[in-house]
Amino acid sequence: MFDELEKYNLNGNFFFQATDRLEEVCNAPRDQFGVFLVYALHKGRVELIYVGKTGYHRPGTRKQEEPSLHDGLRENLVDGLHFDETKRKNCWPVQMLIEDIEALHIHWYVTCDGKYNDRPKTIKIKILKIYENIYGTFPRWNLAADLC
């Protein structure tokens, strides 16, 4: 569905259940930046429920400067804020129980490395727009504000 992600050779995935510790199952790199897609497994169905990104620019730095990026994939996946501004490692298990989600399958892609220097925010917006064009809405854990 998202052909633009196929070019990123540095990628991976892992499963997360509500009883797991996210910091233990997450295999994303600490010092790389990119995007991640979260799929919910529920009653034999798989659904994309969230598109996230890592890496933000420090105020006052030029966006083209790679070293200005902060907040690596692992840090954002585990300790990034979601829903009511709670760390993902704490709020995802609760939300999974509320929604009766059996597991999450998280796919991550490094978009800023020696070969590519694609801004994670730009890639996230592209993916959300593709999804919206197909389904008429955003994945349910994303907000319209995610396009900003």
N, C-alpha and C. Protein backbone atom coordinates (compact mmCIF):
# COMPACT_ATOMS: atom_id res chain seq x y z
N MET A 1 0.82 -1.20 0.00
CA MET A 1 0.00 0.00 0.00
C MET A 1 0.86 1.26 0.00
N PHE A 2 2.00 1.21 0.68
CA PHE A 2 2.85 2.39 0.78
C PHE A 2 4.19 2.12 0.10
N ASP A 3 4.18 2.24 -1.23
CA ASP A 3 5.37 1.94 -2.03
C ASP A 3 6.57 2.80 -1.65
N GLU A 4 6.32 4.04 -1.18
CA GLU A 4 7.44 4.93 -0.85
C GLU A 4 8.29 4.41 0.30
N LEU A 5 7.78 3.46 1.07
CA LEU A 5 8.55 2.92 2.19
C LEU A 5 9.49 1.79 1.75
N GLU A 6 9.26 1.23 0.57
CA GLU A 6 10.04 0.09 0.10
C GLU A 6 11.52 0.42 -0.13
N LYS A 7 11.84 1.67 -0.37
CA LYS A 7 13.23 2.04 -0.66
C LYS A 7 14.11 2.05 0.59
N TYR A 8 13.51 2.08 1.77
CA TYR A 8 14.29 2.16 3.00
C TYR A 8 14.73 0.76 3.44
N ASN A 9 16.03 0.50 3.25
CA ASN A 9 16.58 -0.82 3.57
C ASN A 9 16.76 -1.04 5.06
N LEU A 10 16.91 0.05 5.80
CA LEU A 10 17.05 -0.07 7.24
C LEU A 10 15.65 0.03 7.86
N ASN A 11 15.09 -1.14 8.17
CA ASN A 11 13.73 -1.19 8.71
C ASN A 11 13.59 -2.45 9.55
N GLY A 12 12.49 -2.57 10.22
CA GLY A 12 12.23 -3.75 11.03
C GLY A 12 10.82 -3.73 11.56
N ASN A 13 10.50 -4.72 12.36
CA ASN A 13 9.17 -4.81 12.93
C ASN A 13 9.21 -5.65 14.19
N PHE A 14 8.19 -5.52 14.99
CA PHE A 14 8.05 -6.33 16.20
C PHE A 14 6.59 -6.36 16.61
N PHE A 15 6.25 -7.37 17.41
CA PHE A 15 4.91 -7.50 17.95
C PHE A 15 4.89 -7.03 19.40
N PHE A 16 3.75 -6.48 19.80
CA PHE A 16 3.59 -6.02 21.17
C PHE A 16 2.21 -6.43 21.66
N GLN A 17 2.17 -7.12 22.79
CA GLN A 17 0.92 -7.46 23.44
C GLN A 17 0.79 -6.63 24.71
N ALA A 18 -0.44 -6.46 25.18
CA ALA A 18 -0.69 -5.60 26.34
C ALA A 18 0.06 -6.06 27.58
N THR A 19 0.39 -7.34 27.64
CA THR A 19 1.12 -7.86 28.81
C THR A 19 2.63 -7.74 28.66
N ASP A 20 3.11 -7.32 27.50
CA ASP A 20 4.55 -7.14 27.27
C ASP A 20 5.01 -5.80 27.84
N ARG A 21 6.31 -5.68 27.97
CA ARG A 21 6.94 -4.39 28.27
C ARG A 21 7.48 -3.85 26.95
N LEU A 22 6.96 -2.71 26.52
CA LEU A 22 7.33 -2.15 25.23
C LEU A 22 8.83 -1.96 25.10
N GLU A 23 9.48 -1.54 26.17
CA GLU A 23 10.93 -1.31 26.12
C GLU A 23 11.71 -2.62 25.93
N GLU A 24 11.11 -3.75 26.21
CA GLU A 24 11.78 -5.03 26.02
C GLU A 24 11.58 -5.62 24.62
N VAL A 25 10.42 -5.39 24.02
CA VAL A 25 10.15 -5.98 22.70
C VAL A 25 10.52 -5.06 21.54
N CYS A 26 10.65 -3.77 21.81
CA CYS A 26 10.98 -2.80 20.76
C CYS A 26 12.41 -3.04 20.26
N ASN A 27 12.54 -3.26 18.96
CA ASN A 27 13.86 -3.50 18.36
C ASN A 27 14.30 -2.35 17.45
N ALA A 28 13.65 -1.20 17.56
CA ALA A 28 14.01 -0.04 16.74
C ALA A 28 15.30 0.57 17.26
N PRO A 29 16.11 1.13 16.36
CA PRO A 29 17.38 1.74 16.78
C PRO A 29 17.17 3.04 17.57
N ARG A 30 18.09 3.30 18.48
CA ARG A 30 18.02 4.50 19.30
C ARG A 30 18.45 5.75 18.55
N ASP A 31 19.43 5.61 17.68
CA ASP A 31 20.07 6.78 17.07
C ASP A 31 19.69 7.00 15.62
N GLN A 32 18.57 6.47 15.20
CA GLN A 32 18.09 6.65 13.82
C GLN A 32 16.71 7.29 13.86
N PHE A 33 16.34 7.94 12.76
CA PHE A 33 15.09 8.68 12.70
C PHE A 33 14.25 8.18 11.53
N GLY A 34 12.95 8.23 11.70
CA GLY A 34 12.09 7.76 10.62
C GLY A 34 10.63 7.74 11.01
N VAL A 35 9.91 6.78 10.40
CA VAL A 35 8.48 6.64 10.62
C VAL A 35 8.17 5.24 11.11
N PHE A 36 7.00 5.09 11.72
CA PHE A 36 6.55 3.77 12.13
C PHE A 36 5.04 3.65 11.90
N LEU A 37 4.63 2.45 11.53
CA LEU A 37 3.23 2.15 11.29
C LEU A 37 2.80 1.11 12.31
N VAL A 38 1.64 1.33 12.92
CA VAL A 38 1.13 0.43 13.95
C VAL A 38 -0.13 -0.24 13.43
N TYR A 39 -0.07 -1.57 13.38
CA TYR A 39 -1.21 -2.37 12.94
C TYR A 39 -1.80 -3.08 14.14
N ALA A 40 -3.13 -3.10 14.23
CA ALA A 40 -3.82 -3.81 15.30
C ALA A 40 -4.26 -5.17 14.79
N LEU A 41 -4.06 -6.20 15.61
CA LEU A 41 -4.56 -7.53 15.32
C LEU A 41 -5.74 -7.75 16.24
N HIS A 42 -6.91 -7.95 15.62
CA HIS A 42 -8.15 -8.06 16.39
C HIS A 42 -9.09 -9.04 15.70
N LYS A 43 -9.35 -10.15 16.35
CA LYS A 43 -10.29 -11.16 15.85
C LYS A 43 -9.97 -11.59 14.42
N GLY A 44 -8.70 -11.88 14.18
CA GLY A 44 -8.29 -12.36 12.86
C GLY A 44 -8.13 -11.29 11.80
N ARG A 45 -8.34 -10.06 12.14
CA ARG A 45 -8.19 -8.96 11.19
C ARG A 45 -6.99 -8.11 11.55
N VAL A 46 -6.41 -7.48 10.52
CA VAL A 46 -5.28 -6.58 10.70
C VAL A 46 -5.70 -5.22 10.16
N GLU A 47 -5.47 -4.19 10.94
CA GLU A 47 -5.87 -2.84 10.55
C GLU A 47 -4.78 -1.84 10.93
N LEU A 48 -4.42 -0.98 9.99
CA LEU A 48 -3.50 0.11 10.30
C LEU A 48 -4.24 1.10 11.19
N ILE A 49 -3.69 1.34 12.40
CA ILE A 49 -4.39 2.23 13.32
C ILE A 49 -3.59 3.49 13.65
N TYR A 50 -2.30 3.51 13.28
CA TYR A 50 -1.50 4.70 13.62
C TYR A 50 -0.28 4.80 12.74
N VAL A 51 0.03 6.02 12.33
CA VAL A 51 1.27 6.34 11.63
C VAL A 51 1.98 7.38 12.48
N GLY A 52 3.20 7.06 12.88
CA GLY A 52 3.97 7.97 13.71
C GLY A 52 5.30 8.32 13.07
N LYS A 53 5.95 9.30 13.64
CA LYS A 53 7.26 9.73 13.14
C LYS A 53 8.15 10.07 14.32
N THR A 54 9.43 10.04 14.06
CA THR A 54 10.39 10.44 15.08
C THR A 54 11.25 11.55 14.51
N GLY A 55 12.01 12.13 15.38
CA GLY A 55 12.90 13.18 14.93
C GLY A 55 12.20 14.52 14.88
N TYR A 56 12.70 15.45 15.65
CA TYR A 56 12.21 16.81 15.58
C TYR A 56 13.42 17.72 15.51
N HIS A 57 13.20 18.91 14.99
CA HIS A 57 14.29 19.87 14.84
C HIS A 57 14.31 20.83 16.01
N ARG A 58 15.51 21.08 16.52
CA ARG A 58 15.67 22.09 17.57
C ARG A 58 15.33 23.45 17.01
N PRO A 59 14.61 24.27 17.75
CA PRO A 59 14.36 25.64 17.28
C PRO A 59 15.68 26.36 17.01
N GLY A 60 15.72 27.08 15.91
CA GLY A 60 16.91 27.85 15.59
C GLY A 60 17.90 27.10 14.71
N THR A 61 17.64 25.83 14.38
CA THR A 61 18.54 25.10 13.49
C THR A 61 17.90 24.99 12.12
N ARG A 62 18.73 24.87 11.12
CA ARG A 62 18.22 24.72 9.76
C ARG A 62 17.72 23.30 9.59
N LYS A 63 16.59 23.15 8.94
CA LYS A 63 15.96 21.84 8.79
C LYS A 63 16.80 20.88 7.95
N GLN A 64 17.70 21.38 7.13
CA GLN A 64 18.52 20.52 6.29
C GLN A 64 19.66 19.88 7.08
N GLU A 65 19.94 20.36 8.26
CA GLU A 65 21.07 19.85 9.03
C GLU A 65 20.68 18.58 9.76
N GLU A 66 21.23 17.46 9.36
CA GLU A 66 20.96 16.17 9.99
C GLU A 66 21.18 16.18 11.49
N PRO A 67 22.28 16.77 12.00
CA PRO A 67 22.53 16.71 13.44
C PRO A 67 21.48 17.42 14.29
N SER A 68 20.61 18.23 13.67
CA SER A 68 19.60 18.93 14.45
C SER A 68 18.44 18.01 14.84
N LEU A 69 18.38 16.81 14.28
CA LEU A 69 17.31 15.88 14.63
C LEU A 69 17.55 15.27 16.01
N HIS A 70 16.46 15.11 16.74
CA HIS A 70 16.50 14.50 18.06
C HIS A 70 15.31 13.56 18.18
N ASP A 71 15.30 12.69 19.18
CA ASP A 71 14.17 11.79 19.42
C ASP A 71 14.20 10.62 18.45
N GLY A 72 15.09 9.67 18.69
CA GLY A 72 15.24 8.50 17.83
C GLY A 72 14.03 7.58 17.83
N LEU A 73 14.03 6.61 16.92
CA LEU A 73 12.90 5.70 16.78
C LEU A 73 12.55 4.99 18.08
N ARG A 74 13.53 4.38 18.70
CA ARG A 74 13.26 3.63 19.94
C ARG A 74 12.71 4.54 21.03
N GLU A 75 13.36 5.68 21.22
CA GLU A 75 12.93 6.62 22.26
C GLU A 75 11.49 7.05 22.04
N ASN A 76 11.15 7.36 20.80
CA ASN A 76 9.81 7.83 20.50
C ASN A 76 8.78 6.72 20.64
N LEU A 77 9.11 5.52 20.16
CA LEU A 77 8.17 4.41 20.27
C LEU A 77 7.86 4.06 21.72
N VAL A 78 8.87 4.06 22.57
CA VAL A 78 8.69 3.64 23.96
C VAL A 78 8.21 4.79 24.85
N ASP A 79 8.86 5.93 24.75
CA ASP A 79 8.58 7.02 25.68
C ASP A 79 7.86 8.21 25.05
N GLY A 80 7.55 8.11 23.76
CA GLY A 80 6.81 9.19 23.11
C GLY A 80 5.41 9.32 23.70
N LEU A 81 4.84 10.50 23.62
CA LEU A 81 3.53 10.76 24.20
C LEU A 81 2.43 10.47 23.19
N HIS A 82 1.32 9.93 23.71
CA HIS A 82 0.19 9.60 22.85
C HIS A 82 -1.10 9.77 23.66
N PHE A 83 -2.20 9.84 22.97
CA PHE A 83 -3.53 9.99 23.59
C PHE A 83 -3.56 11.15 24.57
N ASP A 84 -3.63 10.88 25.83
CA ASP A 84 -3.77 11.95 26.81
C ASP A 84 -2.41 12.45 27.30
N GLU A 85 -1.43 12.45 26.37
CA GLU A 85 -0.07 12.91 26.68
C GLU A 85 0.61 12.00 27.70
N THR A 86 0.35 10.70 27.56
CA THR A 86 0.98 9.67 28.39
C THR A 86 1.98 8.91 27.54
N LYS A 87 3.06 8.44 28.14
CA LYS A 87 4.05 7.68 27.39
C LYS A 87 3.41 6.44 26.78
N ARG A 88 3.84 6.13 25.54
CA ARG A 88 3.26 4.99 24.83
C ARG A 88 3.38 3.69 25.62
N LYS A 89 4.51 3.48 26.30
CA LYS A 89 4.70 2.24 27.04
C LYS A 89 3.63 2.08 28.12
N ASN A 90 3.00 3.17 28.53
CA ASN A 90 1.95 3.11 29.55
C ASN A 90 0.54 3.15 28.96
N CYS A 91 0.33 3.96 27.94
CA CYS A 91 -1.05 4.13 27.42
C CYS A 91 -1.43 3.09 26.36
N TRP A 92 -0.46 2.58 25.58
CA TRP A 92 -0.83 1.59 24.57
C TRP A 92 -1.44 0.33 25.18
N PRO A 93 -0.86 -0.25 26.24
CA PRO A 93 -1.49 -1.45 26.80
C PRO A 93 -2.92 -1.20 27.28
N VAL A 94 -3.16 -0.06 27.89
CA VAL A 94 -4.49 0.28 28.37
C VAL A 94 -5.46 0.41 27.20
N GLN A 95 -5.04 1.13 26.16
CA GLN A 95 -5.90 1.32 24.99
C GLN A 95 -6.17 -0.01 24.29
N MET A 96 -5.18 -0.89 24.27
CA MET A 96 -5.37 -2.20 23.67
C MET A 96 -6.44 -2.99 24.43
N LEU A 97 -6.44 -2.91 25.74
CA LEU A 97 -7.46 -3.60 26.53
C LEU A 97 -8.84 -2.99 26.31
N ILE A 98 -8.90 -1.68 26.24
CA ILE A 98 -10.18 -0.99 25.98
C ILE A 98 -10.76 -1.42 24.64
N GLU A 99 -9.91 -1.51 23.61
CA GLU A 99 -10.37 -1.83 22.26
C GLU A 99 -10.33 -3.33 21.96
N ASP A 100 -9.96 -4.14 22.93
CA ASP A 100 -9.88 -5.59 22.75
C ASP A 100 -8.94 -5.96 21.60
N ILE A 101 -7.78 -5.30 21.56
CA ILE A 101 -6.76 -5.58 20.55
C ILE A 101 -5.85 -6.67 21.09
N GLU A 102 -5.67 -7.73 20.32
CA GLU A 102 -4.85 -8.86 20.76
C GLU A 102 -3.36 -8.53 20.77
N ALA A 103 -2.92 -7.82 19.75
CA ALA A 103 -1.50 -7.45 19.63
C ALA A 103 -1.36 -6.29 18.67
N LEU A 104 -0.26 -5.59 18.79
CA LEU A 104 0.12 -4.57 17.81
C LEU A 104 1.32 -5.12 17.04
N HIS A 105 1.32 -4.86 15.75
CA HIS A 105 2.47 -5.20 14.91
C HIS A 105 3.03 -3.88 14.42
N ILE A 106 4.19 -3.52 14.91
CA ILE A 106 4.80 -2.22 14.61
C ILE A 106 5.90 -2.41 13.58
N HIS A 107 5.81 -1.64 12.49
CA HIS A 107 6.83 -1.63 11.44
C HIS A 107 7.51 -0.28 11.48
N TRP A 108 8.85 -0.27 11.51
CA TRP A 108 9.58 0.99 11.54
C TRP A 108 10.53 1.07 10.34
N TYR A 109 10.77 2.31 9.89
CA TYR A 109 11.60 2.59 8.73
C TYR A 109 12.51 3.78 9.02
N VAL A 110 13.80 3.62 8.81
CA VAL A 110 14.74 4.72 8.96
C VAL A 110 14.74 5.51 7.66
N THR A 111 14.36 6.79 7.75
CA THR A 111 14.28 7.64 6.55
C THR A 111 15.44 8.63 6.47
N CYS A 112 16.21 8.74 7.53
CA CYS A 112 17.37 9.63 7.56
C CYS A 112 18.59 8.80 7.91
N ASP A 113 19.39 8.48 6.91
CA ASP A 113 20.64 7.74 7.15
C ASP A 113 21.65 8.20 6.11
N GLY A 114 22.70 7.47 5.92
CA GLY A 114 23.72 7.87 4.96
C GLY A 114 23.24 7.88 3.52
N LYS A 115 22.26 7.05 3.22
CA LYS A 115 21.76 6.95 1.85
C LYS A 115 20.60 7.91 1.57
N TYR A 116 19.70 8.05 2.53
CA TYR A 116 18.53 8.92 2.37
C TYR A 116 18.52 9.98 3.47
N ASN A 117 17.97 11.12 3.14
CA ASN A 117 17.80 12.18 4.13
C ASN A 117 16.38 12.72 4.02
N ASP A 118 15.42 11.80 4.06
CA ASP A 118 14.01 12.18 3.94
C ASP A 118 13.47 12.51 5.32
N ARG A 119 12.90 13.69 5.45
CA ARG A 119 12.35 14.13 6.74
C ARG A 119 11.21 13.21 7.16
N PRO A 120 11.27 12.66 8.36
CA PRO A 120 10.20 11.78 8.83
C PRO A 120 8.82 12.43 8.77
N LYS A 121 8.75 13.70 9.09
CA LYS A 121 7.45 14.40 9.07
C LYS A 121 6.86 14.40 7.65
N THR A 122 7.70 14.62 6.65
CA THR A 122 7.23 14.63 5.26
C THR A 122 6.72 13.27 4.85
N ILE A 123 7.43 12.21 5.23
CA ILE A 123 7.02 10.85 4.89
C ILE A 123 5.73 10.49 5.61
N LYS A 124 5.61 10.86 6.87
CA LYS A 124 4.39 10.59 7.64
C LYS A 124 3.19 11.25 6.97
N ILE A 125 3.34 12.49 6.58
CA ILE A 125 2.24 13.21 5.94
C ILE A 125 1.85 12.54 4.63
N LYS A 126 2.83 12.09 3.83
CA LYS A 126 2.53 11.39 2.58
C LYS A 126 1.71 10.14 2.84
N ILE A 127 2.12 9.36 3.85
CA ILE A 127 1.43 8.11 4.17
C ILE A 127 0.01 8.40 4.64
N LEU A 128 -0.16 9.40 5.50
CA LEU A 128 -1.50 9.75 5.97
C LEU A 128 -2.40 10.22 4.84
N LYS A 129 -1.85 10.97 3.90
CA LYS A 129 -2.66 11.43 2.76
C LYS A 129 -3.06 10.27 1.86
N ILE A 130 -2.17 9.32 1.65
CA ILE A 130 -2.51 8.12 0.86
C ILE A 130 -3.63 7.36 1.56
N TYR A 131 -3.48 7.15 2.85
CA TYR A 131 -4.50 6.43 3.62
C TYR A 131 -5.84 7.17 3.55
N GLU A 132 -5.81 8.47 3.72
CA GLU A 132 -7.05 9.26 3.68
C GLU A 132 -7.70 9.18 2.30
N ASN A 133 -6.89 9.21 1.24
CA ASN A 133 -7.44 9.11 -0.11
C ASN A 133 -8.13 7.77 -0.35
N ILE A 134 -7.62 6.72 0.27
CA ILE A 134 -8.20 5.39 0.09
C ILE A 134 -9.43 5.19 0.98
N TYR A 135 -9.33 5.56 2.26
CA TYR A 135 -10.37 5.25 3.24
C TYR A 135 -11.25 6.44 3.63
N GLY A 136 -10.89 7.64 3.21
CA GLY A 136 -11.70 8.81 3.53
C GLY A 136 -11.53 9.33 4.95
N THR A 137 -10.59 8.80 5.68
CA THR A 137 -10.34 9.20 7.06
C THR A 137 -8.89 8.86 7.41
N PHE A 138 -8.49 9.20 8.62
CA PHE A 138 -7.16 8.84 9.10
C PHE A 138 -7.23 7.55 9.91
N PRO A 139 -6.10 6.88 10.09
CA PRO A 139 -6.10 5.74 11.01
C PRO A 139 -6.64 6.21 12.36
N ARG A 140 -7.33 5.35 13.07
CA ARG A 140 -8.11 5.79 14.24
C ARG A 140 -7.29 6.35 15.39
N TRP A 141 -6.02 6.03 15.50
CA TRP A 141 -5.20 6.60 16.56
C TRP A 141 -4.50 7.88 16.11
N ASN A 142 -4.70 8.28 14.87
CA ASN A 142 -4.16 9.55 14.37
C ASN A 142 -5.24 10.61 14.42
N LEU A 143 -4.80 11.86 14.43
CA LEU A 143 -5.71 13.01 14.42
C LEU A 143 -5.44 13.82 13.16
N ALA A 144 -6.39 14.64 12.76
CA ALA A 144 -6.19 15.53 11.61
C ALA A 144 -5.00 16.45 11.85
N ALA A 145 -4.73 16.77 13.11
CA ALA A 145 -3.60 17.64 13.46
C ALA A 145 -2.26 17.00 13.11
N ASP A 146 -2.25 15.67 12.87
CA ASP A 146 -1.00 15.00 12.53
C ASP A 146 -0.45 15.45 11.16
N LEU A 147 -1.28 16.13 10.37
CA LEU A 147 -0.80 16.64 9.09
C LEU A 147 -0.04 17.96 9.27
N CYS A 148 -0.08 18.52 10.43
CA CYS A 148 0.63 19.79 10.68
C CYS A 148 2.07 19.56 10.97
